[in-house]
Amino acid sequence: MQQHSFHYIHHPDHLISLPPTTHVGLDIEWKPNFLKNAPENPVALVQLATATSVYLFHLSRLTSFPPSLRSLLQNPKILKTGVGIQNDVNKLWIDCAVSVTNVVDLGMLAKAIDSQLFRERLGRYQELLYYPQHIHDESDSAHPYDPYQQRLFRGPFKENVGLARMAKVFQDKDMDKAKSVTRSNWELPLTQRQIHCACVCVSFHGNPTHTHAFQITDAAADAITSYSLYYNIIDQLVHLPLHLYPKRKYYTFDAIRGSFYESMYPDEWEPQRATVATEVTEQEEELYLQGIPQGGLRQWFINNPEYDPAPRPRIEKKDGEKKEGKKDKDNTHRGRGRGRGHRGESSRGRGRGRPPMLP
């Protein structure tokens, strides 16, 4: 198991310079609001994960948004990955006036590749990792062969896949969390004991073993999983010819000033797998946010014309009859109804909680 160095930034004197990187897992938390129709509370924690490090920026304890964090989030050469990440990056703009570029929605990436694998292989999945193997009894006329049984994901392309489900599929990792964790007050200071235990027990494929570290470990685990899932997913591309790779514009976008736009090089086939960190100057960053290198900003929409949603799975009633299965509950967004905010809903136009932080 790979251990991660842990950095907890919760005081203006603790601000650090982030090292060069090519890719981060991104996740945010905020204090739950238990009052009906009350506006969401502002972002309290921003978590970043790389291959070796975890950074927790406790915004509710800071007086301004950290410049190094702003620069990383706005750098178009650095990939940011997450699940249902549109709401997170939109909330970062509403609460903190920060744009986030080169963003990958892992659920859309996984569904796009899963659909293309089915299209190419038509059920021949014997050598593919993660995929269920199915041997059909041709003499069983009551249960006709359904090749879609070997698909990992079904349903509309825009329907979110939960982080917990993806972690189980691609990493065989359980991410069930107690309500006391998911509905925590993320604005309160985190104890040194929690931080120490998080440093000890947070790992790439491991689960926390100390109950008193659950709050901080929960935040770190989501960011770490978002980072590592990206590589689990794109490793499946080895089974596809290049012309069947899903285009990056189907799952990658920029969130600039509260709107979504197509990211840099949107028509590339190959997903980003850079190995050398590339920094950009403030001037280059500002020009990118204005859309000048791309010839203007082009609005991004959730759309994948190559995606096959597949029919809903059929389930048997007790009397032997069949009916269409209900939607997979795990396909709803991972944060719906949780203390970190109703992530299945867009926060656009909702209460801002407090004015945006200024640089």
Protein backbone atom coordinates (compact mmCIF):
# COMPACT_ATOMS: atom_id res chain seq x y z
CA MET A 1 0.00 0.00 0.00
CA GLN A 2 1.26 3.44 -0.92
CA GLN A 3 1.29 5.98 1.89
CA HIS A 4 0.59 9.64 1.19
CA SER A 5 2.29 12.62 2.77
CA PHE A 6 -0.34 14.83 4.35
CA HIS A 7 -0.55 18.64 4.35
CA TYR A 8 -3.22 20.43 6.38
CA ILE A 9 -3.43 24.15 5.54
CA HIS A 10 -5.66 25.92 8.06
CA HIS A 11 -3.87 29.15 9.02
CA PRO A 12 -2.58 32.06 6.91
CA ASP A 13 0.94 31.32 8.19
CA HIS A 14 0.67 27.74 6.91
CA LEU A 15 0.25 28.61 3.23
CA ILE A 16 2.55 26.53 1.03
CA SER A 17 3.71 26.42 -2.56
CA LEU A 18 2.29 23.41 -4.36
CA PRO A 19 4.92 21.36 -6.23
CA PRO A 20 4.65 20.95 -10.03
CA THR A 21 2.25 18.22 -11.05
CA THR A 22 0.25 17.04 -14.07
CA HIS A 23 -2.89 15.70 -12.39
CA VAL A 24 -4.83 16.03 -9.13
CA GLY A 25 -7.90 14.37 -7.68
CA LEU A 26 -10.31 17.10 -6.53
CA ASP A 27 -13.05 17.09 -3.90
CA ILE A 28 -14.74 19.70 -1.72
CA GLU A 29 -16.79 19.72 1.48
CA TRP A 30 -19.08 22.22 3.14
CA LYS A 31 -21.11 22.46 6.34
CA PRO A 32 -24.55 20.86 6.06
CA ASN A 33 -27.61 23.03 6.42
CA PHE A 34 -30.51 21.36 8.18
CA LEU A 35 -33.01 24.18 7.61
CA LYS A 36 -35.48 23.66 4.77
CA ASN A 37 -35.01 26.01 1.79
CA ALA A 38 -32.00 27.63 3.47
CA PRO A 39 -29.06 28.53 1.19
CA GLU A 40 -26.05 26.24 1.04
CA ASN A 41 -23.12 27.07 3.25
CA PRO A 42 -19.90 28.06 1.46
CA VAL A 43 -17.07 25.67 0.65
CA ALA A 44 -15.22 24.76 3.84
CA LEU A 45 -12.56 22.31 2.61
CA VAL A 46 -10.79 21.78 -0.69
CA GLN A 47 -8.94 18.48 -1.03
CA LEU A 48 -6.28 17.72 -3.62
CA ALA A 49 -4.54 14.37 -4.10
CA THR A 50 -1.55 13.43 -6.22
CA ALA A 51 0.28 10.12 -6.49
CA THR A 52 2.17 10.77 -3.26
CA SER A 53 0.56 13.69 -1.41
CA VAL A 54 -2.74 14.96 -0.03
CA TYR A 55 -3.46 18.65 0.54
CA LEU A 56 -6.35 19.84 2.69
CA PHE A 57 -7.09 23.56 2.39
CA HIS A 58 -9.42 24.51 5.24
CA LEU A 59 -10.95 27.59 3.61
CA SER A 60 -13.29 28.32 6.50
CA ARG A 61 -10.21 28.84 8.71
CA LEU A 62 -8.34 31.03 6.21
CA THR A 63 -8.79 34.75 5.58
CA SER A 64 -8.38 34.57 1.80
CA PHE A 65 -8.20 31.99 -0.97
CA PRO A 66 -4.64 30.57 -1.20
CA PRO A 67 -2.88 31.92 -4.32
CA SER A 68 -1.08 28.61 -4.97
CA LEU A 69 -4.41 26.75 -4.94
CA ARG A 70 -6.04 29.29 -7.24
CA SER A 71 -3.12 29.03 -9.67
CA LEU A 72 -3.29 25.22 -9.74
CA LEU A 73 -7.05 25.09 -10.29
CA GLN A 74 -6.86 27.62 -13.14
CA ASN A 75 -3.81 26.02 -14.81
CA PRO A 76 -5.09 24.41 -18.07
CA LYS A 77 -2.06 22.09 -18.23
CA ILE A 78 -3.05 20.32 -14.97
CA LEU A 79 -5.79 17.70 -15.06
CA LYS A 80 -8.44 17.75 -12.30
CA THR A 81 -10.53 14.60 -11.89
CA GLY A 82 -13.63 13.88 -9.83
CA VAL A 83 -17.05 12.26 -9.81
CA GLY A 84 -20.05 14.51 -10.47
CA ILE A 85 -17.50 17.27 -10.49
CA GLN A 86 -19.61 19.86 -12.33
CA ASN A 87 -21.36 20.90 -9.12
CA ASP A 88 -18.06 21.12 -7.22
CA VAL A 89 -16.35 23.44 -9.70
CA ASN A 90 -19.48 25.55 -10.08
CA LYS A 91 -19.69 25.97 -6.31
CA LEU A 92 -16.02 27.01 -6.22
CA TRP A 93 -16.89 29.87 -8.55
CA ILE A 94 -20.03 30.90 -6.63
CA ASP A 95 -18.33 30.85 -3.23
CA CYS A 96 -14.71 31.70 -4.07
CA ALA A 97 -14.69 33.30 -7.55
CA VAL A 98 -12.25 30.66 -8.81
CA SER A 99 -12.35 29.10 -12.28
CA VAL A 100 -11.26 25.46 -12.76
CA THR A 101 -9.84 24.28 -16.08
CA ASN A 102 -9.11 20.89 -17.67
CA VAL A 103 -11.74 19.07 -15.61
CA VAL A 104 -12.59 15.37 -16.16
CA ASP A 105 -15.87 13.85 -14.99
CA LEU A 106 -14.84 10.29 -14.16
CA GLY A 107 -18.37 8.91 -14.46
CA MET A 108 -18.70 10.19 -18.02
CA LEU A 109 -15.25 8.88 -18.92
CA ALA A 110 -16.05 5.42 -17.53
CA LYS A 111 -19.44 5.25 -19.26
CA ALA A 112 -17.98 6.41 -22.58
CA ILE A 113 -15.26 3.74 -22.54
CA ASP A 114 -17.67 1.06 -21.31
CA SER A 115 -20.02 1.81 -24.22
CA GLN A 116 -17.21 1.71 -26.77
CA LEU A 117 -15.91 -1.59 -25.38
CA PHE A 118 -19.36 -3.11 -25.78
CA ARG A 119 -19.68 -1.74 -29.30
CA GLU A 120 -16.31 -3.20 -30.29
CA ARG A 121 -16.39 -6.54 -28.47
CA LEU A 122 -20.09 -7.45 -28.39
CA GLY A 123 -19.77 -9.50 -25.25
CA ARG A 124 -16.25 -10.94 -25.70
CA TYR A 125 -14.92 -9.82 -22.34
CA GLN A 126 -12.95 -12.87 -21.17
CA GLU A 127 -9.59 -11.09 -20.87
CA LEU A 128 -10.92 -7.74 -19.59
CA LEU A 129 -10.29 -6.86 -15.99
CA TYR A 130 -13.30 -5.66 -13.90
CA TYR A 131 -15.92 -7.07 -16.28
CA PRO A 132 -18.35 -9.81 -15.15
CA GLN A 133 -18.09 -13.09 -17.04
CA HIS A 134 -21.33 -14.64 -18.23
CA ILE A 135 -21.89 -18.13 -19.64
CA HIS A 136 -25.35 -18.46 -21.17
CA ASP A 137 -27.29 -21.72 -21.14
CA GLU A 138 -28.75 -21.85 -24.66
CA SER A 139 -31.27 -24.49 -23.58
CA ASP A 140 -32.85 -22.03 -21.13
CA SER A 141 -35.47 -20.46 -23.39
CA ALA A 142 -37.12 -18.65 -20.45
CA HIS A 143 -34.04 -16.49 -19.98
CA PRO A 144 -32.76 -15.30 -23.37
CA TYR A 145 -29.17 -14.15 -23.65
CA ASP A 146 -28.70 -10.49 -22.85
CA PRO A 147 -25.23 -9.29 -23.93
CA TYR A 148 -25.78 -6.07 -22.00
CA GLN A 149 -25.36 -8.06 -18.78
CA GLN A 150 -21.64 -7.58 -19.27
CA ARG A 151 -21.85 -3.80 -19.41
CA LEU A 152 -20.62 -2.08 -16.27
CA PHE A 153 -22.91 0.93 -16.59
CA ARG A 154 -26.29 1.58 -18.20
CA GLY A 155 -28.66 4.51 -18.45
CA PRO A 156 -28.45 8.03 -19.90
CA PHE A 157 -24.98 9.46 -20.37
CA LYS A 158 -25.73 12.45 -18.13
CA GLU A 159 -26.86 10.19 -15.26
CA ASN A 160 -24.15 10.27 -12.63
CA VAL A 161 -22.29 7.21 -11.36
CA GLY A 162 -21.47 7.37 -7.65
CA LEU A 163 -17.89 7.44 -6.38
CA ALA A 164 -18.58 4.47 -4.09
CA ARG A 165 -19.80 2.33 -6.97
CA MET A 166 -16.84 3.19 -9.17
CA ALA A 167 -14.40 2.47 -6.34
CA LYS A 168 -16.03 -0.94 -5.88
CA VAL A 169 -15.95 -1.76 -9.61
CA PHE A 170 -12.43 -0.61 -10.40
CA GLN A 171 -10.62 -0.97 -7.06
CA ASP A 172 -12.78 -3.46 -5.12
CA LYS A 173 -12.84 -0.87 -2.33
CA ASP A 174 -15.79 -0.20 -0.03
CA MET A 175 -16.40 3.47 0.70
CA ASP A 176 -19.45 3.29 2.96
CA LYS A 177 -19.36 6.14 5.45
CA ALA A 178 -21.35 6.82 8.59
CA LYS A 179 -23.77 9.75 8.67
CA SER A 180 -21.70 11.22 11.50
CA VAL A 181 -18.93 11.65 8.92
CA THR A 182 -20.88 12.74 5.85
CA ARG A 183 -22.94 15.22 7.86
CA SER A 184 -20.02 16.64 9.81
CA ASN A 185 -19.53 20.33 10.40
CA TRP A 186 -16.59 20.78 8.05
CA GLU A 187 -16.02 24.36 9.21
CA LEU A 188 -14.77 23.31 12.66
CA PRO A 189 -11.02 22.95 13.26
CA LEU A 190 -9.63 19.47 12.74
CA THR A 191 -7.69 18.07 15.67
CA GLN A 192 -4.01 17.19 15.59
CA ARG A 193 -4.94 13.65 16.58
CA GLN A 194 -7.18 13.36 13.52
CA ILE A 195 -4.45 14.74 11.27
CA HIS A 196 -1.83 12.36 12.68
CA CYS A 197 -4.08 9.32 12.22
CA ALA A 198 -4.98 10.39 8.71
CA CYS A 199 -1.28 10.52 7.82
CA VAL A 200 -0.87 6.99 9.15
CA CYS A 201 -3.90 5.24 7.67
CA VAL A 202 -4.78 6.97 4.39
CA SER A 203 -3.49 4.82 1.53
CA PHE A 204 -4.04 4.26 -2.17
CA HIS A 205 -6.15 1.11 -1.85
CA GLY A 206 -6.57 0.84 1.91
CA ASN A 207 -9.40 1.81 4.22
CA PRO A 208 -9.10 3.88 7.42
CA THR A 209 -8.69 1.73 10.50
CA HIS A 210 -8.97 4.36 13.25
CA THR A 211 -12.50 5.53 13.99
CA HIS A 212 -11.34 8.87 15.41
CA ALA A 213 -9.71 9.69 12.05
CA PHE A 214 -12.87 9.18 9.99
CA GLN A 215 -13.70 12.83 9.33
CA ILE A 216 -10.34 13.89 7.95
CA THR A 217 -9.69 10.51 6.32
CA ASP A 218 -13.05 10.64 4.57
CA ALA A 219 -12.07 13.89 2.86
CA ALA A 220 -8.65 12.61 1.87
CA ALA A 221 -9.99 9.25 0.68
CA ASP A 222 -12.41 10.86 -1.77
CA ALA A 223 -9.65 12.95 -3.36
CA ILE A 224 -7.22 10.01 -3.49
CA THR A 225 -9.84 7.75 -5.04
CA SER A 226 -10.71 10.39 -7.63
CA TYR A 227 -7.03 10.57 -8.56
CA SER A 228 -6.39 6.84 -8.85
CA LEU A 229 -9.69 5.97 -10.57
CA TYR A 230 -8.66 7.97 -13.62
CA TYR A 231 -5.82 5.56 -14.36
CA ASN A 232 -7.95 2.48 -13.60
CA ILE A 233 -10.46 3.70 -16.18
CA ILE A 234 -8.17 4.77 -19.02
CA ASP A 235 -6.20 1.52 -18.71
CA GLN A 236 -9.22 -0.08 -20.40
CA LEU A 237 -8.40 1.79 -23.61
CA VAL A 238 -5.72 -0.79 -24.43
CA HIS A 239 -8.57 -3.03 -25.63
CA LEU A 240 -9.86 -0.47 -28.14
CA PRO A 241 -8.50 0.68 -31.51
CA LEU A 242 -7.56 4.35 -31.54
CA HIS A 243 -10.49 5.40 -33.73
CA LEU A 244 -12.93 4.13 -31.08
CA TYR A 245 -11.45 6.13 -28.22
CA PRO A 246 -14.14 8.49 -26.87
CA LYS A 247 -13.29 12.10 -27.65
CA ARG A 248 -12.07 14.19 -24.74
CA LYS A 249 -14.82 16.74 -25.24
CA TYR A 250 -17.35 14.11 -24.14
CA TYR A 251 -15.97 14.10 -20.59
CA THR A 252 -13.54 17.05 -20.27
CA PHE A 253 -14.46 20.71 -19.83
CA ASP A 254 -13.40 24.06 -18.40
CA ALA A 255 -15.44 25.85 -15.72
CA ILE A 256 -14.72 29.53 -16.34
CA ARG A 257 -16.54 32.28 -14.44
CA GLY A 258 -19.50 30.03 -13.64
CA SER A 259 -20.03 28.62 -17.16
CA PHE A 260 -18.82 25.43 -18.85
CA TYR A 261 -16.68 25.56 -21.99
CA GLU A 262 -14.84 23.05 -24.16
CA SER A 263 -11.36 22.38 -22.87
CA MET A 264 -8.03 22.73 -24.62
CA TYR A 265 -7.63 20.40 -27.61
CA PRO A 266 -11.24 19.09 -27.34
CA ASP A 267 -10.99 16.89 -30.45
CA GLU A 268 -8.00 14.85 -29.31
CA TRP A 269 -8.64 11.11 -29.08
CA GLU A 270 -5.98 10.23 -26.55
CA PRO A 271 -6.82 11.01 -22.88
CA GLN A 272 -4.25 13.11 -21.13
CA ARG A 273 -1.46 11.05 -19.58
CA ALA A 274 1.28 13.66 -19.25
CA THR A 275 4.42 12.75 -17.31
CA VAL A 276 6.15 16.13 -17.22
CA ALA A 277 4.63 18.95 -15.19
CA THR A 278 4.11 22.14 -17.18
CA GLU A 279 3.72 25.50 -15.48
CA VAL A 280 2.03 28.51 -17.08
CA THR A 281 2.59 32.17 -16.42
CA GLU A 282 -0.14 34.40 -15.01
CA GLN A 283 -0.43 36.07 -18.41
CA GLU A 284 -0.83 32.72 -20.22
CA GLU A 285 -3.42 31.67 -17.65
CA GLU A 286 -5.44 34.85 -18.09
CA LEU A 287 -5.32 34.59 -21.89
CA TYR A 288 -6.58 31.02 -21.64
CA LEU A 289 -9.48 32.03 -19.40
CA GLN A 290 -10.45 34.56 -22.05
CA GLY A 291 -10.38 31.86 -24.75
CA ILE A 292 -7.72 33.63 -26.82
CA PRO A 293 -5.46 30.60 -27.59
CA GLN A 294 -8.51 28.53 -28.63
CA GLY A 295 -9.96 31.19 -30.90
CA GLY A 296 -12.74 31.98 -28.44
CA LEU A 297 -14.63 30.09 -25.74
CA ARG A 298 -17.00 27.39 -27.00
CA GLN A 299 -19.82 26.37 -24.66
CA TRP A 300 -19.68 22.79 -23.40
CA PHE A 301 -22.76 20.59 -23.03
CA ILE A 302 -23.17 17.06 -21.65
CA ASN A 303 -23.49 15.17 -24.91
CA ASN A 304 -22.00 11.99 -26.36
CA PRO A 305 -23.62 10.92 -29.65
CA GLU A 306 -21.50 7.74 -29.70
CA TYR A 307 -22.81 6.49 -26.36
CA ASP A 308 -25.18 3.51 -26.22
CA PRO A 309 -27.33 3.83 -23.05
CA ALA A 310 -28.35 0.14 -23.19
CA PRO A 311 -31.79 -1.11 -22.12
CA ARG A 312 -32.60 -1.16 -18.45
CA PRO A 313 -31.90 -4.52 -16.80
CA ARG A 314 -34.93 -6.74 -16.35
CA ILE A 315 -35.63 -8.25 -12.93
CA GLU A 316 -37.94 -11.08 -12.01
CA LYS A 317 -40.95 -10.73 -9.76
CA LYS A 318 -41.66 -13.43 -7.22
CA ASP A 319 -44.34 -14.89 -9.48
CA GLY A 320 -41.81 -15.33 -12.28
CA GLU A 321 -42.99 -12.35 -14.35
CA LYS A 322 -40.50 -9.78 -15.53
CA LYS A 323 -40.55 -6.05 -15.35
CA GLU A 324 -38.19 -3.25 -16.16
CA GLY A 325 -35.70 -2.64 -13.38
CA LYS A 326 -35.65 0.58 -11.46
CA LYS A 327 -32.82 3.01 -11.83
CA ASP A 328 -29.68 2.00 -10.03
CA LYS A 329 -29.71 4.04 -6.87
CA ASP A 330 -25.96 4.34 -7.01
CA ASN A 331 -26.29 6.15 -10.32
CA THR A 332 -27.62 9.13 -8.42
CA HIS A 333 -25.00 11.63 -7.42
CA ARG A 334 -22.89 10.58 -4.46
CA GLY A 335 -23.83 13.59 -2.37
CA ARG A 336 -27.62 13.73 -2.76
CA GLY A 337 -29.23 14.27 0.60
CA ARG A 338 -25.90 14.26 2.39
CA GLY A 339 -24.44 16.78 4.73
CA ARG A 340 -21.90 17.97 2.19
CA GLY A 341 -24.75 19.53 0.20
CA HIS A 342 -27.32 18.18 -2.24
CA ARG A 343 -24.86 17.34 -4.97
CA GLY A 344 -27.46 15.87 -7.27
CA GLU A 345 -28.78 19.41 -7.69
CA SER A 346 -26.99 22.29 -9.26
CA SER A 347 -25.97 25.05 -6.89
CA ARG A 348 -26.25 27.60 -9.69
CA GLY A 349 -28.50 30.42 -8.58
CA ARG A 350 -28.70 29.24 -4.98
CA GLY A 351 -27.73 31.28 -1.95
CA ARG A 352 -24.11 32.21 -1.84
CA GLY A 353 -23.69 32.08 1.92
CA ARG A 354 -20.95 34.72 1.92
CA PRO A 355 -19.24 37.00 -0.61
CA PRO A 356 -16.55 35.40 -2.80
CA MET A 357 -13.01 35.37 -1.42
CA LEU A 358 -10.74 37.82 -3.09
CA PRO A 359 -7.19 36.99 -4.16
